[in-house]
Amino acid sequence: MLVTLAACALAWSPPSASPRPGVSRSAFSQRVPVTMIGGLGDSLKKAQDLMKNISPEKIKKAQEMSMKMQDLQKELAATEIECKSADGRITVVYTGQSVPLSVSIDPAAMAQSAPELSEALTNALKQAFINSRKHADGRMMALYEEAGLGDLLRMQAEMQK
């Protein structure tokens, strides 16, 4: 494969006209040195060595985990997390992926001053976002626990603090 790649790189010839106006043809007429491609062989060898150490069971487990992650993302996208302001006059809805869906304001809330309404709305938005993240984090933790990787997720959370 490496030989084929090197042969293709050496056989390649640039187009007759410069693909970008104002750039001379000489900038595109240089051939790729074989030494640049030589590094690819090392990476390929390392990848092959790593693959030898991965059992079919581990590959199957990784595929199952990937499918479960996709299912979880779909579930979170369809989940609605609702949060109300302290007085209950403002309702904010986010998805489980922290995407805002709606904001509903009771007409009675309009009797408040602009700063009071702004503060209530801001607090409801923030709390809805926090609730959405907590829900997603909890579901993610359950998935990781099921796979035996709960410690890894907890360690990552500690590092982010």
C-alpha atoms as a PDB file:
ATOM      1  CA  MET A   1       0.000   0.000   0.000  1.00  0.00           C
ATOM      2  CA  LEU A   2       2.834   2.382   0.894  1.00  0.00           C
ATOM      3  CA  VAL A   3       4.593   1.614  -2.384  1.00  0.00           C
ATOM      4  CA  THR A   4       1.390   2.321  -4.307  1.00  0.00           C
ATOM      5  CA  LEU A   5       0.920   5.593  -2.448  1.00  0.00           C
ATOM      6  CA  ALA A   6       4.519   6.633  -3.126  1.00  0.00           C
ATOM      7  CA  ALA A   7       4.207   5.710  -6.802  1.00  0.00           C
ATOM      8  CA  CYS A   8       1.023   7.756  -7.121  1.00  0.00           C
ATOM      9  CA  ALA A   9       2.665  10.738  -5.439  1.00  0.00           C
ATOM     10  CA  LEU A  10       5.660  10.579  -7.774  1.00  0.00           C
ATOM     11  CA  ALA A  11       3.538  10.050 -10.879  1.00  0.00           C
ATOM     12  CA  TRP A  12       1.214  12.955 -10.120  1.00  0.00           C
ATOM     13  CA  SER A  13       1.611  15.983 -12.317  1.00  0.00           C
ATOM     14  CA  PRO A  14      -0.010  19.326 -11.542  1.00  0.00           C
ATOM     15  CA  PRO A  15      -2.616  20.902 -13.802  1.00  0.00           C
ATOM     16  CA  SER A  16      -1.313  23.134 -16.572  1.00  0.00           C
ATOM     17  CA  ALA A  17      -2.902  26.273 -15.165  1.00  0.00           C
ATOM     18  CA  SER A  18      -2.653  27.555 -11.631  1.00  0.00           C
ATOM     19  CA  PRO A  19      -5.840  26.703  -9.693  1.00  0.00           C
ATOM     20  CA  ARG A  20      -5.671  30.063  -7.914  1.00  0.00           C
ATOM     21  CA  PRO A  21      -5.300  33.404  -9.667  1.00  0.00           C
ATOM     22  CA  GLY A  22      -2.163  35.287  -8.708  1.00  0.00           C
ATOM     23  CA  VAL A  23      -0.270  32.155  -7.647  1.00  0.00           C
ATOM     24  CA  SER A  24       2.492  31.056  -9.951  1.00  0.00           C
ATOM     25  CA  ARG A  25       2.499  27.608 -11.476  1.00  0.00           C
ATOM     26  CA  SER A  26       5.849  26.844  -9.889  1.00  0.00           C
ATOM     27  CA  ALA A  27       4.191  26.729  -6.465  1.00  0.00           C
ATOM     28  CA  PHE A  28       2.198  23.704  -7.664  1.00  0.00           C
ATOM     29  CA  SER A  29       4.834  21.956  -9.766  1.00  0.00           C
ATOM     30  CA  GLN A  30       6.964  20.516  -6.988  1.00  0.00           C
ATOM     31  CA  ARG A  31       6.781  16.800  -6.430  1.00  0.00           C
ATOM     32  CA  VAL A  32       6.139  15.351  -3.002  1.00  0.00           C
ATOM     33  CA  PRO A  33       9.401  13.936  -1.629  1.00  0.00           C
ATOM     34  CA  VAL A  34       9.315  10.258  -0.775  1.00  0.00           C
ATOM     35  CA  THR A  35      10.691  11.077   2.692  1.00  0.00           C
ATOM     36  CA  MET A  36       7.454  12.886   3.545  1.00  0.00           C
ATOM     37  CA  ILE A  37       5.480   9.743   2.885  1.00  0.00           C
ATOM     38  CA  GLY A  38       8.005   7.580   4.764  1.00  0.00           C
ATOM     39  CA  GLY A  39       6.545   8.703   8.105  1.00  0.00           C
ATOM     40  CA  LEU A  40       3.228   7.158   7.126  1.00  0.00           C
ATOM     41  CA  GLY A  41       4.778   3.703   7.216  1.00  0.00           C
ATOM     42  CA  ASP A  42       5.708   4.109  10.880  1.00  0.00           C
ATOM     43  CA  SER A  43       2.174   5.166  11.798  1.00  0.00           C
ATOM     44  CA  LEU A  44       0.689   2.344   9.780  1.00  0.00           C
ATOM     45  CA  LYS A  45       2.979  -0.179  11.492  1.00  0.00           C
ATOM     46  CA  LYS A  46       2.040   1.160  14.940  1.00  0.00           C
ATOM     47  CA  ALA A  47      -1.669   0.950  14.081  1.00  0.00           C
ATOM     48  CA  GLN A  48      -1.250  -2.632  12.877  1.00  0.00           C
ATOM     49  CA  ASP A  49       0.609  -3.550  16.084  1.00  0.00           C
ATOM     50  CA  LEU A  50      -2.171  -2.021  18.187  1.00  0.00           C
ATOM     51  CA  MET A  51      -4.834  -3.904  16.233  1.00  0.00           C
ATOM     52  CA  LYS A  52      -3.066  -7.212  16.982  1.00  0.00           C
ATOM     53  CA  ASN A  53      -3.587  -6.582  20.707  1.00  0.00           C
ATOM     54  CA  ILE A  54      -7.313  -5.870  20.400  1.00  0.00           C
ATOM     55  CA  SER A  55      -9.457  -8.936  20.832  1.00  0.00           C
ATOM     56  CA  PRO A  56     -12.606  -9.518  18.778  1.00  0.00           C
ATOM     57  CA  GLU A  57     -14.572  -9.248  22.036  1.00  0.00           C
ATOM     58  CA  LYS A  58     -13.200  -5.745  22.646  1.00  0.00           C
ATOM     59  CA  ILE A  59     -14.062  -4.703  19.104  1.00  0.00           C
ATOM     60  CA  LYS A  60     -17.594  -6.047  19.523  1.00  0.00           C
ATOM     61  CA  LYS A  61     -17.928  -4.252  22.883  1.00  0.00           C
ATOM     62  CA  ALA A  62     -16.745  -0.971  21.294  1.00  0.00           C
ATOM     63  CA  GLN A  63     -19.283  -1.363  18.484  1.00  0.00           C
ATOM     64  CA  GLU A  64     -22.067  -2.028  20.998  1.00  0.00           C
ATOM     65  CA  MET A  65     -21.006   1.016  23.016  1.00  0.00           C
ATOM     66  CA  SER A  66     -21.036   3.142  19.869  1.00  0.00           C
ATOM     67  CA  MET A  67     -24.578   2.011  19.053  1.00  0.00           C
ATOM     68  CA  LYS A  68     -25.724   2.730  22.614  1.00  0.00           C
ATOM     69  CA  MET A  69     -24.163   6.206  22.426  1.00  0.00           C
ATOM     70  CA  GLN A  70     -26.045   6.903  19.197  1.00  0.00           C
ATOM     71  CA  ASP A  71     -29.277   5.714  20.796  1.00  0.00           C
ATOM     72  CA  LEU A  72     -28.615   7.901  23.837  1.00  0.00           C
ATOM     73  CA  GLN A  73     -28.033  10.955  21.631  1.00  0.00           C
ATOM     74  CA  LYS A  74     -31.371  10.314  19.896  1.00  0.00           C
ATOM     75  CA  GLU A  75     -33.072   9.871  23.263  1.00  0.00           C
ATOM     76  CA  LEU A  76     -31.583  13.111  24.608  1.00  0.00           C
ATOM     77  CA  ALA A  77     -32.624  14.994  21.468  1.00  0.00           C
ATOM     78  CA  ALA A  78     -36.216  13.820  21.997  1.00  0.00           C
ATOM     79  CA  THR A  79     -36.241  14.508  25.760  1.00  0.00           C
ATOM     80  CA  GLU A  80     -37.739  17.784  26.965  1.00  0.00           C
ATOM     81  CA  ILE A  81     -36.505  19.301  30.219  1.00  0.00           C
ATOM     82  CA  GLU A  82     -38.843  21.938  31.642  1.00  0.00           C
ATOM     83  CA  CYS A  83     -37.947  24.570  34.222  1.00  0.00           C
ATOM     84  CA  LYS A  84     -40.130  27.270  35.764  1.00  0.00           C
ATOM     85  CA  SER A  85     -39.115  30.571  37.306  1.00  0.00           C
ATOM     86  CA  ALA A  86     -39.378  30.941  41.089  1.00  0.00           C
ATOM     87  CA  ASP A  87     -42.836  32.517  40.774  1.00  0.00           C
ATOM     88  CA  GLY A  88     -43.938  29.965  38.146  1.00  0.00           C
ATOM     89  CA  ARG A  89     -44.746  32.628  35.545  1.00  0.00           C
ATOM     90  CA  ILE A  90     -41.914  31.765  33.144  1.00  0.00           C
ATOM     91  CA  THR A  91     -41.439  28.291  31.678  1.00  0.00           C
ATOM     92  CA  VAL A  92     -38.320  27.332  29.734  1.00  0.00           C
ATOM     93  CA  VAL A  93     -37.945  24.048  27.833  1.00  0.00           C
ATOM     94  CA  TYR A  94     -34.627  22.560  26.682  1.00  0.00           C
ATOM     95  CA  THR A  95     -33.811  19.233  25.031  1.00  0.00           C
ATOM     96  CA  GLY A  96     -31.654  16.711  26.828  1.00  0.00           C
ATOM     97  CA  GLN A  97     -28.856  17.963  24.568  1.00  0.00           C
ATOM     98  CA  SER A  98     -29.169  21.483  26.034  1.00  0.00           C
ATOM     99  CA  VAL A  99     -30.872  22.960  22.991  1.00  0.00           C
ATOM    100  CA  PRO A 100     -33.473  25.576  23.957  1.00  0.00           C
ATOM    101  CA  LEU A 101     -36.925  24.714  22.595  1.00  0.00           C
ATOM    102  CA  SER A 102     -39.279  27.306  24.017  1.00  0.00           C
ATOM    103  CA  VAL A 103     -39.872  30.098  26.495  1.00  0.00           C
ATOM    104  CA  SER A 104     -43.387  30.820  27.745  1.00  0.00           C
ATOM    105  CA  ILE A 105     -44.169  33.948  29.738  1.00  0.00           C
ATOM    106  CA  ASP A 106     -47.452  34.295  31.602  1.00  0.00           C
ATOM    107  CA  PRO A 107     -49.028  37.696  30.805  1.00  0.00           C
ATOM    108  CA  ALA A 108     -49.181  38.389  34.556  1.00  0.00           C
ATOM    109  CA  ALA A 109     -45.362  38.414  34.580  1.00  0.00           C
ATOM    110  CA  MET A 110     -45.448  41.551  32.441  1.00  0.00           C
ATOM    111  CA  ALA A 111     -46.621  43.502  35.500  1.00  0.00           C
ATOM    112  CA  GLN A 112     -43.068  43.184  36.871  1.00  0.00           C
ATOM    113  CA  SER A 113     -40.463  45.829  36.177  1.00  0.00           C
ATOM    114  CA  ALA A 114     -38.148  45.183  33.238  1.00  0.00           C
ATOM    115  CA  PRO A 115     -35.158  44.354  35.496  1.00  0.00           C
ATOM    116  CA  GLU A 116     -37.275  41.915  37.566  1.00  0.00           C
ATOM    117  CA  LEU A 117     -38.623  40.194  34.453  1.00  0.00           C
ATOM    118  CA  SER A 118     -35.147  40.054  32.947  1.00  0.00           C
ATOM    119  CA  GLU A 119     -33.694  38.503  36.105  1.00  0.00           C
ATOM    120  CA  ALA A 120     -36.500  35.918  36.354  1.00  0.00           C
ATOM    121  CA  LEU A 121     -36.092  34.976  32.690  1.00  0.00           C
ATOM    122  CA  THR A 122     -32.304  34.751  32.957  1.00  0.00           C
ATOM    123  CA  ASN A 123     -32.508  32.574  36.073  1.00  0.00           C
ATOM    124  CA  ALA A 124     -35.067  30.253  34.453  1.00  0.00           C
ATOM    125  CA  LEU A 125     -32.888  29.911  31.338  1.00  0.00           C
ATOM    126  CA  LYS A 126     -29.788  29.159  33.403  1.00  0.00           C
ATOM    127  CA  GLN A 127     -31.576  26.630  35.595  1.00  0.00           C
ATOM    128  CA  ALA A 128     -33.138  24.871  32.600  1.00  0.00           C
ATOM    129  CA  PHE A 129     -29.695  24.576  31.015  1.00  0.00           C
ATOM    130  CA  ILE A 130     -28.217  23.199  34.258  1.00  0.00           C
ATOM    131  CA  ASN A 131     -31.085  20.699  34.594  1.00  0.00           C
ATOM    132  CA  SER A 132     -30.601  19.613  30.993  1.00  0.00           C
ATOM    133  CA  ARG A 133     -26.864  19.039  31.530  1.00  0.00           C
ATOM    134  CA  LYS A 134     -27.484  17.135  34.765  1.00  0.00           C
ATOM    135  CA  HIS A 135     -29.994  14.889  33.012  1.00  0.00           C
ATOM    136  CA  ALA A 136     -27.602  14.198  30.119  1.00  0.00           C
ATOM    137  CA  ASP A 137     -24.673  13.630  32.493  1.00  0.00           C
ATOM    138  CA  GLY A 138     -26.740  11.190  34.541  1.00  0.00           C
ATOM    139  CA  ARG A 139     -27.766   9.213  31.475  1.00  0.00           C
ATOM    140  CA  MET A 140     -24.169   9.216  30.220  1.00  0.00           C
ATOM    141  CA  MET A 141     -22.904   8.020  33.609  1.00  0.00           C
ATOM    142  CA  ALA A 142     -25.428   5.163  33.571  1.00  0.00           C
ATOM    143  CA  LEU A 143     -24.193   4.131  30.129  1.00  0.00           C
ATOM    144  CA  TYR A 144     -20.559   4.263  31.237  1.00  0.00           C
ATOM    145  CA  GLU A 145     -21.353   2.341  34.439  1.00  0.00           C
ATOM    146  CA  GLU A 146     -23.063  -0.345  32.363  1.00  0.00           C
ATOM    147  CA  ALA A 147     -19.912  -0.648  30.261  1.00  0.00           C
ATOM    148  CA  GLY A 148     -17.681  -0.729  33.347  1.00  0.00           C
ATOM    149  CA  LEU A 149     -16.193   2.696  32.600  1.00  0.00           C
ATOM    150  CA  GLY A 150     -17.817   4.754  35.346  1.00  0.00           C
ATOM    151  CA  ASP A 151     -14.474   5.444  37.039  1.00  0.00           C
ATOM    152  CA  LEU A 152     -13.141   6.886  33.785  1.00  0.00           C
ATOM    153  CA  LEU A 153     -16.028   9.339  33.504  1.00  0.00           C
ATOM    154  CA  ARG A 154     -15.718  10.353  37.163  1.00  0.00           C
ATOM    155  CA  MET A 155     -11.980  10.938  36.710  1.00  0.00           C
ATOM    156  CA  GLN A 156     -12.669  13.106  33.655  1.00  0.00           C
ATOM    157  CA  ALA A 157     -15.241  15.128  35.610  1.00  0.00           C
ATOM    158  CA  GLU A 158     -12.746  15.673  38.443  1.00  0.00           C
ATOM    159  CA  MET A 159     -10.113  16.887  35.981  1.00  0.00           C
ATOM    160  CA  GLN A 160     -12.534  19.469  34.582  1.00  0.00           C
ATOM    161  CA  LYS A 161     -13.151  21.008  38.015  1.00  0.00           C
END
